Amino acid sequence: MRDRVIEIAEQAHALHWRMSGDEGTGDRLAKMVTDVWQAGVVAAQPGRFAVEYLVSPRLRERIDVVDLEDGVVYELKVSPNNAHFEFYKDIFKTIVARDTRLPSLRKFVFLVPESAACVLMRNLAGAVVADAHKLGIEIEIVGLRLPAAEHIVVADEGAQRPSSAG
């Protein structure tokens, strides 16, 4: 199911995202991509996924998608900008959700444009992925393949989809 979730994210991203240079437009487009992705995932297998899953009853934080059968959290970062901030925040959301509401959570998958995934894996995030077992959770960063016209180069990148699991 993981591959289908990624495929739906890539399709939603390709259909609705573009770098705009305007924060308000970027926020609206990112929300649209996320909404379309979430709806697509739920439609792919109704009842299996929860969207906008509340991390804890006492917190306002939510998780984009939770695979309730496999215990996997999926978070989508639509823009390649500042992906590291979102990555670390999402790790903590996953841990808090596991410890307060959903003890079956075993994995966190961070979906981000491929260029940003390459940067993350070369920096501290790569080390966090490698040591994630110490947190009691598997962490994976998945680089979304984007159409050439939409591909934003943050740093040099390889031809393969970056994917690392801890």
C-alpha atoms as a PDB file:
ATOM      1  CA  MET A   1       0.000   0.000   0.000  1.00  0.00           C
ATOM      2  CA  ARG A   2       2.981   2.301   0.663  1.00  0.00           C
ATOM      3  CA  ASP A   3       3.760   2.555  -3.068  1.00  0.00           C
ATOM      4  CA  ARG A   4       0.141   3.463  -3.873  1.00  0.00           C
ATOM      5  CA  VAL A   5       0.141   6.213  -1.225  1.00  0.00           C
ATOM      6  CA  ILE A   6       3.325   7.628  -2.797  1.00  0.00           C
ATOM      7  CA  GLU A   7       1.910   7.373  -6.316  1.00  0.00           C
ATOM      8  CA  ILE A   8      -1.240   9.262  -5.310  1.00  0.00           C
ATOM      9  CA  ALA A   9       0.917  11.978  -3.693  1.00  0.00           C
ATOM     10  CA  GLU A  10       2.986  12.338  -6.864  1.00  0.00           C
ATOM     11  CA  GLN A  11      -0.158  12.593  -8.996  1.00  0.00           C
ATOM     12  CA  ALA A  12      -1.756  15.223  -6.741  1.00  0.00           C
ATOM     13  CA  HIS A  13       1.504  17.174  -6.647  1.00  0.00           C
ATOM     14  CA  ALA A  14       1.917  17.084 -10.434  1.00  0.00           C
ATOM     15  CA  LEU A  15      -1.658  18.178 -10.998  1.00  0.00           C
ATOM     16  CA  HIS A  16      -1.904  21.079  -8.548  1.00  0.00           C
ATOM     17  CA  TRP A  17       1.512  22.353  -7.392  1.00  0.00           C
ATOM     18  CA  ARG A  18       3.692  25.100  -8.791  1.00  0.00           C
ATOM     19  CA  MET A  19       6.194  27.409  -7.158  1.00  0.00           C
ATOM     20  CA  SER A  20       4.446  30.777  -7.122  1.00  0.00           C
ATOM     21  CA  GLY A  21       6.727  33.152  -5.248  1.00  0.00           C
ATOM     22  CA  ASP A  22       3.653  34.315  -3.346  1.00  0.00           C
ATOM     23  CA  GLU A  23       3.179  32.831   0.119  1.00  0.00           C
ATOM     24  CA  GLY A  24      -0.625  32.987   0.052  1.00  0.00           C
ATOM     25  CA  THR A  25      -0.839  31.265  -3.327  1.00  0.00           C
ATOM     26  CA  GLY A  26       1.718  28.687  -2.234  1.00  0.00           C
ATOM     27  CA  ASP A  27      -0.280  27.929   0.916  1.00  0.00           C
ATOM     28  CA  ARG A  28      -3.508  27.501  -1.076  1.00  0.00           C
ATOM     29  CA  LEU A  29      -1.837  25.221  -3.618  1.00  0.00           C
ATOM     30  CA  ALA A  30      -0.167  23.147  -0.886  1.00  0.00           C
ATOM     31  CA  LYS A  31      -3.527  22.723   0.849  1.00  0.00           C
ATOM     32  CA  MET A  32      -5.125  21.655  -2.432  1.00  0.00           C
ATOM     33  CA  VAL A  33      -2.392  19.070  -3.094  1.00  0.00           C
ATOM     34  CA  THR A  34      -2.759  17.687   0.432  1.00  0.00           C
ATOM     35  CA  ASP A  35      -6.565  17.541   0.227  1.00  0.00           C
ATOM     36  CA  VAL A  36      -6.518  15.773  -3.161  1.00  0.00           C
ATOM     37  CA  TRP A  37      -3.861  13.325  -1.920  1.00  0.00           C
ATOM     38  CA  GLN A  38      -5.791  12.532   1.266  1.00  0.00           C
ATOM     39  CA  ALA A  39      -9.045  11.994  -0.653  1.00  0.00           C
ATOM     40  CA  GLY A  40      -7.257   9.746  -3.144  1.00  0.00           C
ATOM     41  CA  VAL A  41      -5.688   7.631  -0.411  1.00  0.00           C
ATOM     42  CA  VAL A  42      -9.019   7.177   1.376  1.00  0.00           C
ATOM     43  CA  ALA A  43     -10.747   6.304  -1.915  1.00  0.00           C
ATOM     44  CA  ALA A  44      -8.043   3.737  -2.747  1.00  0.00           C
ATOM     45  CA  GLN A  45      -8.984   1.626   0.266  1.00  0.00           C
ATOM     46  CA  PRO A  46     -11.910   2.963   2.324  1.00  0.00           C
ATOM     47  CA  GLY A  47     -11.724   2.283   6.050  1.00  0.00           C
ATOM     48  CA  ARG A  48      -7.989   1.640   6.084  1.00  0.00           C
ATOM     49  CA  PHE A  49      -6.803   5.238   6.446  1.00  0.00           C
ATOM     50  CA  ALA A  50      -7.525   8.117   8.804  1.00  0.00           C
ATOM     51  CA  VAL A  51      -6.844  11.649   7.602  1.00  0.00           C
ATOM     52  CA  GLU A  52      -6.116  14.667   9.790  1.00  0.00           C
ATOM     53  CA  TYR A  53      -5.638  12.261  12.680  1.00  0.00           C
ATOM     54  CA  LEU A  54      -5.588  14.077  16.025  1.00  0.00           C
ATOM     55  CA  VAL A  55      -2.208  13.502  17.689  1.00  0.00           C
ATOM     56  CA  SER A  56      -3.572  13.836  21.222  1.00  0.00           C
ATOM     57  CA  PRO A  57      -6.890  14.985  22.693  1.00  0.00           C
ATOM     58  CA  ARG A  58      -5.095  17.840  24.453  1.00  0.00           C
ATOM     59  CA  LEU A  59      -3.177  19.068  21.383  1.00  0.00           C
ATOM     60  CA  ARG A  60      -4.325  20.674  18.142  1.00  0.00           C
ATOM     61  CA  GLU A  61      -1.703  18.881  16.064  1.00  0.00           C
ATOM     62  CA  ARG A  62      -2.858  16.497  13.358  1.00  0.00           C
ATOM     63  CA  ILE A  63      -1.229  13.873  11.158  1.00  0.00           C
ATOM     64  CA  ASP A  64      -1.926  13.999   7.413  1.00  0.00           C
ATOM     65  CA  VAL A  65      -2.644  10.276   6.924  1.00  0.00           C
ATOM     66  CA  VAL A  66      -2.450   7.216   9.173  1.00  0.00           C
ATOM     67  CA  ASP A  67      -2.576   3.695   7.768  1.00  0.00           C
ATOM     68  CA  LEU A  68      -4.507   2.060  10.589  1.00  0.00           C
ATOM     69  CA  GLU A  69      -3.818  -1.486   9.385  1.00  0.00           C
ATOM     70  CA  ASP A  70      -0.034  -1.213   9.028  1.00  0.00           C
ATOM     71  CA  GLY A  71       0.588   1.416  11.737  1.00  0.00           C
ATOM     72  CA  VAL A  72       2.215   3.899   9.369  1.00  0.00           C
ATOM     73  CA  VAL A  73       2.101   7.697   9.549  1.00  0.00           C
ATOM     74  CA  TYR A  74       2.380   9.599   6.255  1.00  0.00           C
ATOM     75  CA  GLU A  75       3.163  13.308   6.213  1.00  0.00           C
ATOM     76  CA  LEU A  76       3.347  15.284   2.971  1.00  0.00           C
ATOM     77  CA  LYS A  77       5.528  18.385   2.589  1.00  0.00           C
ATOM     78  CA  VAL A  78       4.406  19.848  -0.721  1.00  0.00           C
ATOM     79  CA  SER A  79       7.011  22.601  -1.101  1.00  0.00           C
ATOM     80  CA  PRO A  80      10.730  21.821  -1.031  1.00  0.00           C
ATOM     81  CA  ASN A  81      11.293  24.895   1.147  1.00  0.00           C
ATOM     82  CA  ASN A  82      12.206  24.411   4.821  1.00  0.00           C
ATOM     83  CA  ALA A  83      11.473  20.691   4.712  1.00  0.00           C
ATOM     84  CA  HIS A  84      13.735  20.084   7.706  1.00  0.00           C
ATOM     85  CA  PHE A  85      11.467  22.067  10.039  1.00  0.00           C
ATOM     86  CA  GLU A  86       8.449  19.987   9.051  1.00  0.00           C
ATOM     87  CA  PHE A  87      10.395  16.730   9.193  1.00  0.00           C
ATOM     88  CA  TYR A  88      11.444  17.109  12.825  1.00  0.00           C
ATOM     89  CA  LYS A  89       8.033  18.370  13.940  1.00  0.00           C
ATOM     90  CA  ASP A  90       6.359  15.407  12.239  1.00  0.00           C
ATOM     91  CA  ILE A  91       8.637  12.926  14.012  1.00  0.00           C
ATOM     92  CA  PHE A  92       7.498  14.292  17.356  1.00  0.00           C
ATOM     93  CA  LYS A  93       3.842  14.232  16.273  1.00  0.00           C
ATOM     94  CA  THR A  94       4.252  10.564  15.378  1.00  0.00           C
ATOM     95  CA  ILE A  95       5.850   9.696  18.712  1.00  0.00           C
ATOM     96  CA  VAL A  96       3.213  11.573  20.721  1.00  0.00           C
ATOM     97  CA  ALA A  97       0.392   9.919  18.743  1.00  0.00           C
ATOM     98  CA  ARG A  98       1.952   6.508  19.338  1.00  0.00           C
ATOM     99  CA  ASP A  99       2.393   7.154  23.051  1.00  0.00           C
ATOM    100  CA  THR A 100      -1.059   8.673  23.666  1.00  0.00           C
ATOM    101  CA  ARG A 101      -3.552   7.269  21.161  1.00  0.00           C
ATOM    102  CA  LEU A 102      -2.219   4.667  18.774  1.00  0.00           C
ATOM    103  CA  PRO A 103       0.380   2.309  20.244  1.00  0.00           C
ATOM    104  CA  SER A 104       0.439   0.283  17.006  1.00  0.00           C
ATOM    105  CA  LEU A 105       2.268   3.074  15.140  1.00  0.00           C
ATOM    106  CA  ARG A 106       5.574   1.641  13.984  1.00  0.00           C
ATOM    107  CA  LYS A 107       6.680   3.769  11.053  1.00  0.00           C
ATOM    108  CA  PHE A 108       6.817   7.397   9.900  1.00  0.00           C
ATOM    109  CA  VAL A 109       7.059   8.151   6.153  1.00  0.00           C
ATOM    110  CA  PHE A 110       7.908  11.718   5.171  1.00  0.00           C
ATOM    111  CA  LEU A 111       6.933  12.552   1.583  1.00  0.00           C
ATOM    112  CA  VAL A 112       8.752  15.543   0.122  1.00  0.00           C
ATOM    113  CA  PRO A 113       9.910  16.692  -3.334  1.00  0.00           C
ATOM    114  CA  GLU A 114      12.933  14.675  -4.422  1.00  0.00           C
ATOM    115  CA  SER A 115      15.344  17.596  -4.327  1.00  0.00           C
ATOM    116  CA  ALA A 116      14.511  18.320  -0.692  1.00  0.00           C
ATOM    117  CA  ALA A 117      14.735  14.604   0.196  1.00  0.00           C
ATOM    118  CA  CYS A 118      18.296  14.525  -1.149  1.00  0.00           C
ATOM    119  CA  VAL A 119      19.259  17.508   0.999  1.00  0.00           C
ATOM    120  CA  LEU A 120      17.621  16.008   4.095  1.00  0.00           C
ATOM    121  CA  MET A 121      19.403  12.681   3.691  1.00  0.00           C
ATOM    122  CA  ARG A 122      22.812  14.379   3.419  1.00  0.00           C
ATOM    123  CA  ASN A 123      22.295  16.296   6.625  1.00  0.00           C
ATOM    124  CA  LEU A 124      21.132  15.658  10.192  1.00  0.00           C
ATOM    125  CA  ALA A 125      17.866  14.104   9.010  1.00  0.00           C
ATOM    126  CA  GLY A 126      19.843  11.278   7.404  1.00  0.00           C
ATOM    127  CA  ALA A 127      21.487  10.522  10.735  1.00  0.00           C
ATOM    128  CA  VAL A 128      18.086  10.607  12.462  1.00  0.00           C
ATOM    129  CA  VAL A 129      16.725   8.094   9.928  1.00  0.00           C
ATOM    130  CA  ALA A 130      19.710   5.819  10.584  1.00  0.00           C
ATOM    131  CA  ASP A 131      19.231   5.980  14.385  1.00  0.00           C
ATOM    132  CA  ALA A 132      15.423   5.917  14.433  1.00  0.00           C
ATOM    133  CA  HIS A 133      15.311   2.449  15.981  1.00  0.00           C
ATOM    134  CA  LYS A 134      16.457   4.122  19.222  1.00  0.00           C
ATOM    135  CA  LEU A 135      13.169   6.052  19.173  1.00  0.00           C
ATOM    136  CA  GLY A 136      11.218   2.832  18.766  1.00  0.00           C
ATOM    137  CA  ILE A 137      10.028   3.767  15.292  1.00  0.00           C
ATOM    138  CA  GLU A 138      11.145   3.329  11.696  1.00  0.00           C
ATOM    139  CA  ILE A 139      11.571   6.549   9.721  1.00  0.00           C
ATOM    140  CA  GLU A 140      11.679   6.863   5.942  1.00  0.00           C
ATOM    141  CA  ILE A 141      12.157   9.924   3.756  1.00  0.00           C
ATOM    142  CA  VAL A 142      10.665   9.474   0.292  1.00  0.00           C
ATOM    143  CA  GLY A 143      11.512  11.840  -2.543  1.00  0.00           C
ATOM    144  CA  LEU A 144       8.513  12.491  -4.757  1.00  0.00           C
ATOM    145  CA  ARG A 145       9.253  12.384  -8.459  1.00  0.00           C
ATOM    146  CA  LEU A 146       7.928  15.513 -10.070  1.00  0.00           C
ATOM    147  CA  PRO A 147       7.344  16.437 -13.713  1.00  0.00           C
ATOM    148  CA  ALA A 148      10.427  18.088 -15.235  1.00  0.00           C
ATOM    149  CA  ALA A 149       8.744  21.487 -15.583  1.00  0.00           C
ATOM    150  CA  GLU A 150       7.861  21.528 -11.898  1.00  0.00           C
ATOM    151  CA  HIS A 151      11.133  20.083 -10.655  1.00  0.00           C
ATOM    152  CA  ILE A 152      12.815  22.525  -8.313  1.00  0.00           C
ATOM    153  CA  VAL A 153      16.524  21.936  -7.831  1.00  0.00           C
ATOM    154  CA  VAL A 154      17.620  22.641  -4.262  1.00  0.00           C
ATOM    155  CA  ALA A 155      20.923  20.777  -4.646  1.00  0.00           C
ATOM    156  CA  ASP A 156      22.455  18.176  -6.930  1.00  0.00           C
ATOM    157  CA  GLU A 157      20.501  14.960  -7.028  1.00  0.00           C
ATOM    158  CA  GLY A 158      20.719  11.438  -8.400  1.00  0.00           C
ATOM    159  CA  ALA A 159      18.440   9.742 -10.855  1.00  0.00           C
ATOM    160  CA  GLN A 160      16.956   7.386  -8.294  1.00  0.00           C
ATOM    161  CA  ARG A 161      14.201   8.129  -5.824  1.00  0.00           C
ATOM    162  CA  PRO A 162      15.791   8.782  -2.448  1.00  0.00           C
ATOM    163  CA  SER A 163      14.366   6.447   0.117  1.00  0.00           C
ATOM    164  CA  SER A 164      15.988   5.510   3.370  1.00  0.00           C
ATOM    165  CA  ALA A 165      14.558   3.519   6.161  1.00  0.00           C
ATOM    166  CA  GLY A 166      16.037   3.239   9.609  1.00  0.00           C
END
